[in-house]
Protein backbone atom coordinates (compact mmCIF):
# COMPACT_ATOMS: atom_id res chain seq x y z
CA MET A 1 32.72 13.06 -31.19
CA ARG A 2 29.19 15.60 -30.67
CA ALA A 3 26.89 12.70 -32.18
CA ARG A 4 28.16 10.16 -29.67
CA THR A 5 27.91 12.24 -26.82
CA VAL A 6 24.51 13.56 -27.72
CA MET A 7 23.87 9.55 -28.02
CA MET A 8 25.63 9.32 -24.42
CA VAL A 9 23.56 11.55 -23.07
CA GLY A 10 20.41 9.99 -24.46
CA LEU A 11 20.78 7.30 -23.09
CA LEU A 12 21.68 8.26 -19.44
CA LEU A 13 18.23 10.46 -20.19
CA ALA A 14 16.54 7.26 -20.57
CA VAL A 15 16.98 5.28 -18.10
CA PRO A 16 14.42 4.81 -15.61
CA VAL A 17 14.86 5.01 -12.19
CA ARG A 18 12.77 3.57 -8.91
CA SER A 19 11.01 6.14 -7.61
CA ARG A 20 9.32 5.05 -4.01
CA ALA A 21 5.63 3.01 -3.67
CA THR A 22 2.44 6.10 -2.55
CA MET A 23 1.24 4.62 0.63
CA TYR A 24 -2.74 5.27 0.54
CA ARG A 25 -4.52 5.60 3.69
CA SER A 26 -8.59 5.73 4.70
CA ASP A 27 -10.53 6.35 7.19
CA TYR A 28 -13.09 5.68 9.16
CA SER A 29 -15.07 8.77 7.86
CA GLY A 30 -15.02 7.62 4.57
CA GLU A 31 -12.31 9.70 3.78
CA PHE A 32 -8.98 8.85 1.26
CA GLY A 33 -5.94 10.02 0.09
CA THR A 34 -2.10 9.69 0.56
CA LEU A 35 0.17 9.80 3.75
CA ASN A 36 3.50 10.07 4.13
CA PRO A 37 5.27 7.11 5.48
CA ASP A 38 8.16 9.72 7.01
CA THR A 39 5.78 11.71 8.73
CA ALA A 40 2.59 10.38 8.75
CA ALA A 41 0.66 13.45 7.47
CA PHE A 42 -2.43 13.03 5.27
CA THR A 43 -3.23 14.74 1.98
CA VAL A 44 -7.11 13.69 1.24
CA LEU A 45 -7.76 13.20 -1.67
CA GLY A 46 -11.61 12.27 -2.14
CA THR A 47 -14.79 10.57 0.22
CA PRO A 48 -15.90 7.85 -2.16
CA VAL A 49 -18.00 6.86 1.21
CA SER A 50 -19.67 9.47 3.08
CA ALA A 51 -20.71 9.00 5.93
CA HIS A 52 -19.59 5.54 6.16
CA PRO A 53 -16.27 3.77 7.92
CA LEU A 54 -13.66 3.40 4.86
CA SER A 55 -12.42 0.50 6.72
CA GLY A 56 -10.35 -1.43 4.06
CA ILE A 57 -8.25 -0.87 1.72
CA CYS A 58 -6.59 -2.98 -1.34
CA LEU A 59 -4.08 -2.52 -4.73
CA ASP A 60 -4.15 -4.80 -6.35
CA MET A 61 -1.29 -6.09 -9.55
CA ASP A 62 -4.15 -4.73 -12.29
CA GLY A 63 -3.99 -0.96 -10.51
CA ARG A 64 -7.36 -1.27 -9.21
CA MET A 65 -8.11 -0.04 -5.46
CA TRP A 66 -10.67 -1.75 -3.78
CA GLY A 67 -12.17 -0.73 -0.50
CA THR A 68 -15.41 -2.06 1.68
CA SER A 69 -17.04 0.75 3.03
CA ARG A 70 -19.01 -0.64 6.44
CA THR A 71 -22.46 0.91 8.09
CA SER A 72 -22.31 1.56 11.40
CA SER A 73 -25.89 -0.18 12.55
CA THR A 74 -25.56 -3.14 11.19
CA PRO A 75 -22.84 -5.82 10.30
CA THR A 76 -22.89 -4.99 6.93
CA THR A 77 -19.85 -4.13 4.36
CA THR A 78 -19.82 -3.01 0.47
CA LEU A 79 -16.83 -3.93 -1.83
CA ILE A 80 -16.41 -1.20 -3.54
CA GLU A 81 -14.23 0.05 -5.67
CA ILE A 82 -12.13 3.40 -6.25
CA ASN A 83 -10.31 6.21 -8.51
CA PRO A 84 -6.78 5.97 -6.77
CA SER A 85 -5.74 9.22 -8.23
CA THR A 86 -9.35 11.27 -6.98
CA GLY A 87 -10.66 8.69 -4.56
CA GLY A 88 -13.80 8.91 -5.84
CA LEU A 89 -16.29 6.71 -6.81
CA ILE A 90 -15.83 3.94 -9.30
CA ASN A 91 -17.91 1.67 -8.80
CA SER A 92 -20.12 0.21 -5.70
CA VAL A 93 -19.90 -3.94 -6.80
CA GLY A 94 -22.17 -5.30 -3.72
CA ILE A 95 -22.20 -6.36 -0.61
CA ILE A 96 -20.18 -9.24 1.35
CA LYS A 97 -21.34 -12.01 2.17
CA VAL A 98 -20.67 -16.02 1.97
CA GLY A 99 -24.54 -17.32 0.90
CA THR A 100 -26.86 -14.84 2.19
CA VAL A 101 -24.98 -14.29 5.60
CA GLN A 102 -23.62 -10.88 5.81
CA LEU A 103 -20.45 -10.02 6.60
CA ASN A 104 -18.63 -7.50 8.87
CA ILE A 105 -15.32 -7.47 7.01
CA THR A 106 -12.64 -4.79 8.72
CA ASP A 107 -9.67 -4.93 6.17
CA LEU A 108 -8.24 -6.03 2.86
CA ALA A 109 -5.38 -7.50 1.33
CA CYS A 110 -3.91 -8.46 -2.34
CA GLN A 111 -2.27 -11.53 -3.02
CA PRO A 112 1.46 -10.35 -4.89
CA GLY A 113 0.91 -12.45 -8.30
CA THR A 114 -2.54 -13.46 -8.27
CA GLY A 115 -4.41 -9.96 -7.07
CA THR A 116 -6.64 -12.06 -4.97
CA LEU A 117 -8.91 -10.45 -2.67
CA PHE A 118 -8.39 -11.41 0.87
CA ALA A 119 -9.99 -9.82 3.87
CA LEU A 120 -10.66 -10.64 7.78
CA ASP A 121 -14.04 -10.78 9.25
CA SER A 122 -14.66 -8.48 13.09
CA SER A 123 -14.86 -12.10 14.54
CA LYS A 124 -13.60 -12.95 17.65
CA PRO A 125 -11.34 -14.59 16.56
CA SER A 126 -11.30 -13.60 13.10
CA ASN A 127 -11.93 -15.55 10.21
CA LEU A 128 -10.21 -15.23 6.77
CA TYR A 129 -11.51 -15.14 3.46
CA THR A 130 -11.09 -14.48 0.16
CA ILE A 131 -13.91 -12.17 -2.62
CA ASP A 132 -15.13 -12.40 -5.94
CA LYS A 133 -14.33 -8.89 -7.04
CA ALA A 134 -16.86 -9.02 -9.60
CA THR A 135 -19.71 -9.93 -6.67
CA GLY A 136 -19.12 -9.47 -3.61
CA ALA A 137 -19.14 -13.36 -2.94
CA ALA A 138 -16.74 -14.56 0.22
CA THR A 139 -14.79 -17.83 0.36
CA LEU A 140 -14.23 -18.67 4.05
CA ILE A 141 -10.62 -19.72 4.35
CA GLY A 142 -9.83 -19.83 7.99
CA THR A 143 -10.51 -18.79 10.98
CA THR A 144 -7.33 -17.49 12.89
CA ALA A 145 -6.11 -17.65 16.01
CA ILE A 146 -6.18 -13.27 16.50
CA GLN A 147 -9.13 -11.01 16.89
CA ARG A 148 -10.12 -8.02 14.08
CA GLY A 149 -7.71 -5.79 12.52
CA GLY A 150 -5.55 -5.60 9.67
CA LEU A 151 -4.04 -7.54 7.13
CA GLY A 152 -1.09 -7.33 4.83
CA PHE A 153 0.82 -9.19 2.10
CA ALA A 154 4.45 -8.72 2.54
CA PRO A 155 6.73 -8.73 -1.06
CA ASP A 156 7.25 -12.15 -1.06
CA GLY A 157 4.05 -13.62 -0.24
CA ARG A 158 3.95 -13.97 3.37
CA LEU A 159 0.92 -13.14 5.17
CA PHE A 160 0.56 -10.55 8.09
CA ALA A 161 -1.96 -9.74 10.69
CA VAL A 162 -1.87 -6.89 13.63
CA SER A 163 -5.07 -7.41 15.80
CA VAL A 164 -7.10 -4.65 18.24
CA SER A 165 -6.07 -6.62 21.05
CA ASP A 166 -2.22 -5.90 20.33
CA GLU A 167 -1.36 -9.18 18.42
CA PHE A 168 0.88 -9.64 15.52
CA ALA A 169 0.58 -12.89 13.69
CA GLN A 170 2.00 -14.63 10.19
CA LEU A 171 -1.38 -16.65 8.68
CA ASP A 172 -1.29 -19.40 6.30
CA PRO A 173 -2.93 -18.02 3.14
CA ALA A 174 -4.25 -21.62 2.11
CA ASN A 175 -5.95 -22.29 5.85
CA ALA A 176 -5.29 -18.98 8.39
CA GLN A 177 -3.63 -21.48 10.78
CA THR A 178 -0.27 -19.34 12.62
CA ILE A 179 2.75 -19.65 11.35
CA GLY A 180 4.78 -19.22 14.38
CA SER A 181 4.06 -17.74 17.17
CA VAL A 182 1.33 -14.90 17.93
CA LEU A 183 3.08 -11.97 19.30
CA ASP A 184 2.74 -8.85 21.32
CA THR A 185 2.77 -5.61 19.54
CA ASP A 186 2.48 -4.13 22.77
CA THR A 187 0.10 -1.35 20.23
CA CYS A 188 -3.45 -1.65 19.09
CA LEU A 189 -3.43 -1.78 15.87
CA ASP A 190 -5.91 -2.22 13.33
CA GLY A 191 -5.11 -1.23 9.41
CA PHE A 192 -1.76 -2.94 8.24
CA ALA A 193 0.08 -3.05 4.84
CA ILE A 194 4.14 -3.75 3.76
CA ARG A 195 5.98 -1.64 1.96
CA PRO A 196 6.94 -3.63 -1.96
CA ASP A 197 9.67 -1.42 -2.17
CA ASP A 198 11.70 -2.56 1.18
CA GLY A 199 9.50 -4.54 2.86
CA ALA A 200 8.78 -2.38 5.45
CA ALA A 201 5.56 -2.62 7.36
CA PHE A 202 3.09 0.06 8.64
CA ALA A 203 -0.26 0.23 10.83
CA THR A 204 -2.68 2.68 11.96
CA GLN A 205 -3.50 3.20 15.76
CA CYS A 206 -6.61 1.37 16.59
CA ASP A 207 -8.33 4.35 18.96
CA GLY A 208 -5.75 6.96 17.70
CA ASP A 209 -4.46 8.46 15.38
CA GLY A 210 -1.54 7.00 15.20
CA LEU A 211 1.22 5.57 12.73
CA TYR A 212 3.37 2.71 13.45
CA ARG A 213 5.77 0.67 12.02
CA VAL A 214 6.38 -3.16 12.69
CA ASN A 215 9.35 -5.54 13.09
CA LEU A 216 7.77 -8.82 11.18
CA ALA A 217 10.14 -10.22 13.05
CA THR A 218 9.07 -9.72 16.66
CA GLY A 219 6.16 -7.85 16.49
CA GLY A 220 7.61 -4.49 18.28
CA THR A 221 6.68 -1.22 16.94
CA ASP A 222 8.17 1.68 16.83
CA PHE A 223 5.90 5.65 16.17
CA VAL A 224 6.18 7.52 13.38
CA GLY A 225 3.95 10.50 13.79
CA ALA A 226 -0.61 11.51 14.27
CA MET A 227 -2.24 11.56 10.93
CA GLY A 228 -4.17 14.00 12.72
CA ASP A 229 -7.69 11.69 12.46
CA TYR A 230 -8.46 8.30 13.06
CA GLY A 231 -7.04 5.68 10.26
CA ALA A 232 -8.68 2.71 9.19
CA ASP A 233 -6.39 1.23 6.77
CA VAL A 234 -3.00 1.92 5.26
CA GLU A 235 -1.70 0.16 1.27
CA PHE A 236 0.83 0.60 -0.96
CA SER A 237 1.18 0.63 -5.00
CA PRO A 238 3.51 -1.31 -6.60
CA ALA A 239 6.96 0.54 -7.10
CA GLY A 240 6.66 3.25 -9.96
CA VAL A 241 9.11 3.99 -12.69
CA ARG A 242 9.49 7.20 -13.81
CA ALA A 243 11.70 8.54 -16.61
CA PRO A 244 13.82 11.13 -17.57
CA ALA A 245 15.19 10.93 -13.45
CA LEU A 246 18.55 11.04 -12.79
CA SER A 247 20.43 9.97 -9.58
CA GLY A 248 23.67 12.48 -8.52
CA THR A 249 26.08 9.70 -10.57
CA GLY A 250 23.72 10.27 -13.82
CA LEU A 251 23.73 14.24 -13.25
CA GLY A 252 28.18 13.52 -12.99
CA VAL A 253 28.32 11.26 -15.73
CA VAL A 254 26.29 13.84 -18.38
CA GLY A 255 28.37 16.60 -16.87
CA ILE A 256 31.34 15.48 -17.90
CA ALA A 257 29.88 14.55 -21.17
CA LEU A 258 28.72 18.09 -21.96
CA LEU A 259 32.07 19.58 -20.75
CA GLY A 260 33.84 16.68 -22.80
CA SER A 261 32.06 18.25 -25.57
CA GLY A 262 32.64 22.26 -24.89
CA VAL A 263 36.21 21.45 -25.25
CA TRP A 264 36.21 19.64 -28.40
CA LEU A 265 33.84 22.64 -29.82
CA LEU A 266 36.54 24.70 -28.96
CA ARG A 267 39.26 22.77 -30.28
CA ARG A 268 37.49 23.11 -33.74
CA ARG A 269 37.31 26.65 -33.03
CA GLY A 270 40.49 27.38 -33.21
CA GLN A 271 41.69 24.45 -35.43
CA ARG A 272 39.49 26.74 -37.78
CA ALA A 273 40.98 29.82 -36.68
CA ALA A 274 44.65 29.17 -37.43
């Protein structure tokens, strides 16, 4: 009995429980940190590119965090790698460009399954690119139907974009063409990301510190809260697994198992005393 009880408890403690994906945020002062998706509270982890806007961030399938650092004086953007735990700079890869033409990148998104790095530039309308993580070299995919803004992949591989012109659209990652119609968000939006746990979409306000929920079907927005500073981009980590951890059901089962073990021990002692 005791052996079976210990085994049951051990198995329950070893069952992994899905934890919520971590939400990250970059801002125009170069700061990087975590963001509470329920309250919009921002916690700074580090400043990988001090005094330069950290315009886009993206966490790929290998757990590597990529960012784009933009200079304000010239339309130059540098691809960097960030430590997602500390916010420190790991590596400055190089200037993002097509051939010799330097690009002004506003946002990044990592494609699920492939880890391919996609980007939007500041053109009107915006161009969609893929970027080589080893060199920063960009390849033009096509021209979108929206202005500059944020870019994000849903867990099922659908690509969406928001803009500073209150636009929202699903894009074909193969050619940058709009799937369906360009919708009106009624809100000027900049950074954009979709949570892998449940497909919930979030965006940052382009001329303010607001965090919004975005309806992927309608483009409608709901205000979450104020971040306290102008946010450039948001991103989510893959949903993590942690152990030991128990749900309420798991704790109840453990309690019953331990209670049964205690009753059995008391009976054994009573039998010995008799």
